[in-house]
Amino acid sequence: MTTPTTDTPPYPTIIGLGRMGANMARRLARAGITVHGFDPSPEARAALSGEAGVVLHADLGASMAAQAGRRLVWLMLPAGAITEQTLSALESLLQPGDVLVDGGNANYLDSQARARHWKARGIDFVDCGVSGGVWGLAEGYCLMAGGEKQAIDALMPLFRALAPAPDRGWLHCGPSGAGHFTKMVHNGIEYGMMQAYAEGFALMAGRPELTPDLGAVAEVWRHGSVVRSWLLDLTTTALQDPTAMDAVAPVVADSGEGRWTVDESIRQGTPVPVIAAALMARFGSQGKADTGNKLLSLMRKGFGGHTTVSKG
């Protein structure tokens, strides 16, 4: 049995050791902060078993019992059922004074409701949008937090260690919901930027006699151009790999944040045509435009006798 840790400041417990959660645990540990971790997957735990400064637990209860006093519990789980199940399980494990962070992508309206729920139990709930992807371990994470000041203050050592630098890359955005609201808009902007790059390079691919080397074009744009960005860096890497495009299907998933951003635009009546168009393009790539396109072809045939293209 693990002896409860009572050192101050309290060490964080990260629940969810997937790609983001595991690398966040590594970055904290390498900054000298002891991290407790739990994931229901034995494989996820095994991947971190050799990491100095990370204490792994085989079940959720054990990860909570390992520390006495105020605890900082940081969830890095996908939005949806797994987050709901974990929050329900924590109801009987957390104590007044603990700080609970949801670092996964979540609808900010849900986060506001959760903050009210946990406050009634004496527990501070912080919603924290995390950006950085698989590069966050080396480069640091951009952190957007919403919640009350005393909870943010308790988490400040973690923010400073996880961010690219102690004094930048993290922000207390505002009250409960502000962190996930900011991250939602961030991801909506990301949709639009990605779509613009994809459309532009597709346009150039249509005139190979004028732009035969798209990787070279992307590379020159990385230096001094007004459209340079990390997304362009990633685009350049993909275009310079002659096998990359052939290895993937033309299907782009959407994980929810784009939908939430467009929903918010409708609630406000604030137009976001670029973000909405980028979201619709993703839906189309998923085959959800197929029925409409078939009907369009049949309508053209009906009124004008135009030919249709047969399947297969």
Protein backbone atom coordinates (compact mmCIF):
# COMPACT_ATOMS: atom_id res chain seq x y z
CA MET A 1 0.00 0.00 0.00
CA THR A 2 1.28 3.46 -0.91
CA THR A 3 1.95 5.74 2.05
CA PRO A 4 -0.02 8.96 1.56
CA THR A 5 2.15 11.89 0.50
CA THR A 6 1.77 14.95 2.71
CA ASP A 7 4.54 17.15 1.31
CA THR A 8 3.54 20.68 0.37
CA PRO A 9 2.74 21.94 -2.16
CA PRO A 10 0.52 18.97 -3.04
CA TYR A 11 1.60 16.89 -5.98
CA PRO A 12 -0.75 16.60 -8.95
CA THR A 13 -2.62 13.48 -9.94
CA ILE A 14 -3.20 13.09 -13.67
CA ILE A 15 -6.11 10.87 -14.64
CA GLY A 16 -5.86 9.81 -18.26
CA LEU A 17 -2.41 8.88 -19.53
CA GLY A 18 -3.00 8.91 -23.26
CA ARG A 19 -0.83 10.87 -25.66
CA MET A 20 -1.48 14.25 -24.03
CA GLY A 21 -1.80 13.16 -20.40
CA ALA A 22 1.31 10.97 -20.47
CA ASN A 23 3.46 13.70 -21.98
CA MET A 24 2.14 16.24 -19.51
CA ALA A 25 3.11 13.87 -16.68
CA ARG A 26 6.57 13.52 -18.20
CA ARG A 27 7.04 17.28 -18.58
CA LEU A 28 5.99 17.92 -14.97
CA ALA A 29 8.24 15.16 -13.66
CA ARG A 30 11.19 16.44 -15.67
CA ALA A 31 10.58 19.85 -14.11
CA GLY A 32 11.04 18.30 -10.66
CA ILE A 33 7.35 17.90 -9.76
CA THR A 34 6.34 14.44 -8.54
CA VAL A 35 3.25 13.28 -10.44
CA HIS A 36 0.74 10.63 -9.44
CA GLY A 37 -0.97 9.01 -12.41
CA PHE A 38 -3.85 6.69 -13.21
CA ASP A 39 -5.24 5.24 -16.42
CA PRO A 40 -7.56 2.22 -16.67
CA SER A 41 -5.39 0.90 -19.51
CA PRO A 42 -2.48 -1.28 -18.33
CA GLU A 43 -0.69 -0.45 -21.56
CA ALA A 44 -0.91 3.29 -20.87
CA ARG A 45 0.47 2.79 -17.37
CA ALA A 46 3.24 0.53 -18.64
CA ALA A 47 4.36 3.20 -21.11
CA LEU A 48 5.15 5.50 -18.16
CA SER A 49 6.52 2.88 -15.78
CA GLY A 50 10.14 3.87 -16.29
CA GLU A 51 9.61 7.62 -15.96
CA ALA A 52 11.39 9.04 -12.91
CA GLY A 53 9.12 11.20 -10.80
CA VAL A 54 5.87 9.55 -11.95
CA VAL A 55 4.08 7.37 -9.39
CA LEU A 56 1.55 5.08 -11.10
CA HIS A 57 -1.56 3.57 -9.55
CA ALA A 58 -3.62 0.57 -10.64
CA ASP A 59 -7.00 2.09 -9.80
CA LEU A 60 -8.64 5.46 -9.30
CA GLY A 61 -9.21 5.03 -5.58
CA ALA A 62 -5.56 4.23 -4.95
CA SER A 63 -4.45 7.33 -6.85
CA MET A 64 -6.64 9.47 -4.58
CA ALA A 65 -5.64 7.69 -1.36
CA ALA A 66 -1.95 8.18 -2.12
CA GLN A 67 -2.04 11.79 -0.98
CA ALA A 68 -3.27 13.45 2.18
CA GLY A 69 -4.34 17.06 2.48
CA ARG A 70 -5.32 19.22 -0.46
CA ARG A 71 -5.10 17.41 -3.79
CA LEU A 72 -4.74 18.71 -7.34
CA VAL A 73 -6.54 16.28 -9.66
CA TRP A 74 -6.12 16.89 -13.39
CA LEU A 75 -8.29 15.00 -15.88
CA MET A 76 -6.96 14.47 -19.42
CA LEU A 77 -9.85 12.48 -20.86
CA PRO A 78 -11.96 12.70 -24.02
CA ALA A 79 -15.24 14.58 -23.73
CA GLY A 80 -18.22 12.32 -23.27
CA ALA A 81 -18.96 9.14 -21.37
CA ILE A 82 -15.48 8.47 -19.97
CA THR A 83 -15.29 11.95 -18.46
CA GLU A 84 -18.79 11.65 -16.99
CA GLN A 85 -18.00 8.24 -15.51
CA THR A 86 -14.77 9.46 -13.96
CA LEU A 87 -16.38 12.55 -12.47
CA SER A 88 -19.10 10.38 -10.95
CA ALA A 89 -16.49 8.06 -9.45
CA LEU A 90 -14.64 11.04 -7.96
CA GLU A 91 -17.75 12.17 -6.07
CA SER A 92 -16.93 9.83 -3.18
CA LEU A 93 -13.15 10.25 -3.39
CA LEU A 94 -12.56 14.01 -3.36
CA GLN A 95 -12.73 16.17 -0.26
CA PRO A 96 -13.56 19.83 0.35
CA GLY A 97 -10.55 21.97 -0.53
CA ASP A 98 -9.38 19.75 -3.38
CA VAL A 99 -8.92 21.24 -6.85
CA LEU A 100 -10.34 19.37 -9.85
CA VAL A 101 -9.14 20.31 -13.35
CA ASP A 102 -10.77 19.19 -16.58
CA GLY A 103 -8.00 19.53 -19.15
CA GLY A 104 -9.77 17.71 -21.97
CA ASN A 105 -11.85 19.38 -24.64
CA ALA A 106 -15.32 20.06 -23.23
CA ASN A 107 -18.24 22.29 -24.04
CA TYR A 108 -17.86 25.39 -21.90
CA LEU A 109 -21.55 25.24 -20.94
CA ASP A 110 -20.94 21.81 -19.41
CA SER A 111 -17.91 23.19 -17.59
CA GLN A 112 -19.95 26.03 -16.08
CA ALA A 113 -22.52 23.53 -14.80
CA ARG A 114 -19.78 21.29 -13.39
CA ALA A 115 -18.17 24.21 -11.59
CA ARG A 116 -21.46 24.97 -9.84
CA HIS A 117 -21.91 21.29 -8.96
CA TRP A 118 -18.47 20.91 -7.42
CA LYS A 119 -18.51 24.27 -5.65
CA ALA A 120 -21.57 23.12 -3.72
CA ARG A 121 -19.36 20.29 -2.43
CA GLY A 122 -16.51 22.60 -1.45
CA ILE A 123 -14.29 21.57 -4.35
CA ASP A 124 -12.75 24.03 -6.81
CA PHE A 125 -13.37 23.10 -10.46
CA VAL A 126 -11.08 24.54 -13.12
CA ASP A 127 -11.67 24.16 -16.85
CA CYS A 128 -8.39 24.27 -18.72
CA GLY A 129 -8.01 24.18 -22.48
CA VAL A 130 -4.71 22.57 -23.46
CA SER A 131 -3.07 23.02 -26.86
CA GLY A 132 0.24 21.63 -28.03
CA GLY A 133 -0.51 18.13 -29.20
CA VAL A 134 2.28 15.57 -29.37
CA TRP A 135 4.87 18.37 -29.47
CA GLY A 136 3.93 19.69 -26.03
CA LEU A 137 6.46 17.55 -24.17
CA ALA A 138 9.39 19.25 -25.90
CA GLU A 139 7.91 22.64 -26.75
CA GLY A 140 5.49 23.20 -23.87
CA TYR A 141 1.72 23.56 -23.80
CA CYS A 142 -0.55 26.55 -24.27
CA LEU A 143 -2.91 26.57 -21.28
CA MET A 144 -6.19 28.49 -21.05
CA ALA A 145 -7.79 28.24 -17.60
CA GLY A 146 -11.16 29.27 -16.21
CA GLY A 147 -12.09 29.28 -12.53
CA GLU A 148 -11.70 31.09 -9.24
CA LYS A 149 -8.45 32.78 -8.30
CA GLN A 150 -7.62 30.59 -5.31
CA ALA A 151 -7.74 27.47 -7.46
CA ILE A 152 -5.65 29.08 -10.20
CA ASP A 153 -3.09 30.13 -7.60
CA ALA A 154 -2.81 26.54 -6.38
CA LEU A 155 -2.22 25.33 -9.92
CA MET A 156 0.29 28.03 -10.86
CA PRO A 157 3.40 25.82 -10.33
CA LEU A 158 1.91 23.30 -12.78
CA PHE A 159 1.04 25.95 -15.36
CA ARG A 160 4.57 27.36 -15.20
CA ALA A 161 6.12 23.92 -15.65
CA LEU A 162 3.81 22.84 -18.47
CA ALA A 163 3.92 26.08 -20.48
CA PRO A 164 6.71 26.92 -22.95
CA ALA A 165 8.12 29.30 -20.32
CA PRO A 166 7.08 30.16 -16.76
CA ASP A 167 5.94 33.64 -17.76
CA ARG A 168 4.17 32.93 -21.04
CA GLY A 169 1.94 30.39 -22.75
CA TRP A 170 -0.61 30.16 -19.93
CA LEU A 171 -3.46 32.43 -18.90
CA HIS A 172 -6.21 32.69 -16.31
CA CYS A 173 -8.80 33.59 -18.92
CA GLY A 174 -11.67 34.37 -16.56
CA PRO A 175 -14.43 32.71 -14.52
CA SER A 176 -15.63 29.13 -14.81
CA GLY A 177 -16.16 28.16 -18.44
CA ALA A 178 -13.69 30.75 -19.76
CA GLY A 179 -10.90 28.23 -20.30
CA HIS A 180 -12.92 25.84 -22.39
CA PHE A 181 -14.69 28.70 -24.17
CA THR A 182 -11.32 30.15 -25.22
CA LYS A 183 -10.04 26.73 -26.31
CA MET A 184 -13.26 26.15 -28.30
CA VAL A 185 -12.73 29.36 -30.26
CA HIS A 186 -9.04 28.51 -30.64
CA ASN A 187 -9.96 25.22 -32.27
CA GLY A 188 -12.56 26.88 -34.48
CA ILE A 189 -9.86 29.23 -35.78
CA GLU A 190 -7.64 26.19 -36.29
CA TYR A 191 -10.33 24.62 -38.50
CA GLY A 192 -10.40 27.71 -40.71
CA MET A 193 -6.62 28.02 -40.98
CA MET A 194 -6.19 24.35 -41.84
CA GLN A 195 -8.93 24.56 -44.48
CA ALA A 196 -7.33 27.61 -46.10
CA TYR A 197 -3.95 25.90 -46.37
CA ALA A 198 -5.54 22.71 -47.73
CA GLU A 199 -7.57 24.58 -50.36
CA GLY A 200 -4.64 26.73 -51.44
CA PHE A 201 -2.30 23.80 -51.97
CA ALA A 202 -5.08 21.84 -53.72
CA LEU A 203 -5.46 24.79 -56.10
CA MET A 204 -1.75 24.76 -56.86
CA ALA A 205 -1.82 20.99 -57.32
CA GLY A 206 -4.32 21.60 -60.13
CA ARG A 207 -1.65 23.48 -62.14
CA PRO A 208 1.44 21.30 -61.75
CA GLU A 209 3.10 22.98 -64.73
CA LEU A 210 3.19 26.21 -62.70
CA THR A 211 3.85 24.79 -59.24
CA PRO A 212 5.47 21.38 -59.72
CA ASP A 213 7.02 21.23 -56.22
CA LEU A 214 4.46 22.06 -53.53
CA GLY A 215 6.92 21.15 -50.79
CA ALA A 216 9.30 23.83 -52.07
CA VAL A 217 6.49 26.39 -52.16
CA ALA A 218 5.53 25.55 -48.59
CA GLU A 219 9.16 25.79 -47.52
CA VAL A 220 9.69 29.25 -49.01
CA TRP A 221 6.47 30.49 -47.38
CA ARG A 222 7.88 29.47 -43.99
CA HIS A 223 10.46 32.25 -44.16
CA GLY A 224 9.27 35.85 -44.00
CA SER A 225 5.81 35.23 -45.44
CA VAL A 226 2.73 36.65 -43.73
CA VAL A 227 1.14 33.18 -43.83
CA ARG A 228 3.96 31.43 -41.96
CA SER A 229 2.85 29.43 -38.91
CA TRP A 230 3.35 26.14 -37.09
CA LEU A 231 0.51 24.71 -39.16
CA LEU A 232 2.44 25.65 -42.28
CA ASP A 233 5.51 23.93 -40.82
CA LEU A 234 3.48 20.73 -40.44
CA THR A 235 2.03 21.16 -43.93
CA THR A 236 5.54 21.51 -45.34
CA THR A 237 6.66 18.29 -43.68
CA ALA A 238 3.69 16.44 -45.20
CA LEU A 239 4.22 17.85 -48.68
CA GLN A 240 7.92 17.02 -48.67
CA ASP A 241 7.16 13.34 -48.01
CA PRO A 242 6.30 11.82 -51.42
CA THR A 243 4.38 8.94 -49.81
CA ALA A 244 2.39 10.86 -47.19
CA MET A 245 -0.57 11.88 -49.36
CA ASP A 246 -0.95 8.43 -50.90
CA ALA A 247 -1.12 6.76 -47.50
CA VAL A 248 -4.26 8.50 -46.21
CA ALA A 249 -7.90 8.54 -47.26
CA PRO A 250 -9.52 11.94 -47.97
CA VAL A 251 -11.51 11.79 -44.74
CA VAL A 252 -11.14 14.45 -42.02
CA ALA A 253 -12.61 13.78 -38.58
CA ASP A 254 -14.13 16.45 -36.35
CA SER A 255 -13.92 16.01 -32.61
CA GLY A 256 -16.59 18.48 -31.50
CA GLU A 257 -14.94 21.85 -30.98
CA GLY A 258 -15.84 23.12 -34.46
CA ARG A 259 -19.48 22.19 -33.91
CA TRP A 260 -19.50 23.94 -30.53
CA THR A 261 -17.97 27.06 -32.07
CA VAL A 262 -20.65 27.22 -34.77
CA ASP A 263 -23.35 26.55 -32.15
CA GLU A 264 -22.05 29.50 -30.15
CA SER A 265 -22.10 31.74 -33.23
CA ILE A 266 -25.78 30.89 -33.67
CA ARG A 267 -26.53 31.62 -30.00
CA GLN A 268 -24.83 35.01 -30.30
CA GLY A 269 -25.87 35.80 -33.85
CA THR A 270 -22.20 36.47 -34.59
CA PRO A 271 -21.23 35.32 -38.09
CA VAL A 272 -18.32 32.89 -38.46
CA PRO A 273 -18.58 31.96 -42.17
CA VAL A 274 -15.00 30.69 -42.55
CA ILE A 275 -15.16 28.41 -39.51
CA ALA A 276 -18.62 27.16 -40.52
CA ALA A 277 -17.45 26.43 -44.07
CA ALA A 278 -14.42 24.54 -42.76
CA LEU A 279 -16.71 22.43 -40.55
CA MET A 280 -19.02 21.69 -43.47
CA ALA A 281 -16.00 20.62 -45.56
CA ARG A 282 -15.10 18.09 -42.86
CA PHE A 283 -18.64 16.74 -42.89
CA GLY A 284 -18.40 16.39 -46.66
CA SER A 285 -15.12 14.46 -46.40
CA GLN A 286 -16.83 11.99 -44.08
CA GLY A 287 -19.29 10.97 -46.81
CA LYS A 288 -22.16 13.00 -45.39
CA ALA A 289 -22.50 14.94 -48.62
CA ASP A 290 -23.02 11.80 -50.69
CA THR A 291 -26.82 11.70 -50.48
CA GLY A 292 -27.15 15.36 -51.42
CA ASN A 293 -24.72 14.99 -54.31
CA LYS A 294 -26.63 11.97 -55.66
CA LEU A 295 -29.87 13.94 -55.53
CA LEU A 296 -28.23 16.85 -57.32
CA SER A 297 -27.13 14.53 -60.11
CA LEU A 298 -30.64 13.04 -60.41
CA MET A 299 -32.24 16.51 -60.48
CA ARG A 300 -29.95 17.57 -63.33
CA LYS A 301 -30.91 14.42 -65.20
CA GLY A 302 -34.60 15.06 -64.53
CA PHE A 303 -34.83 18.64 -65.77
CA GLY A 304 -32.15 18.63 -68.43
CA GLY A 305 -31.53 15.05 -69.41
CA HIS A 306 -27.94 15.32 -68.18
CA THR A 307 -26.04 12.07 -67.78
CA THR A 308 -25.17 10.68 -64.39
CA VAL A 309 -22.00 8.88 -63.33
CA SER A 310 -22.58 5.24 -62.41
CA LYS A 311 -21.08 3.75 -59.26
CA GLY A 312 -18.01 1.55 -59.61
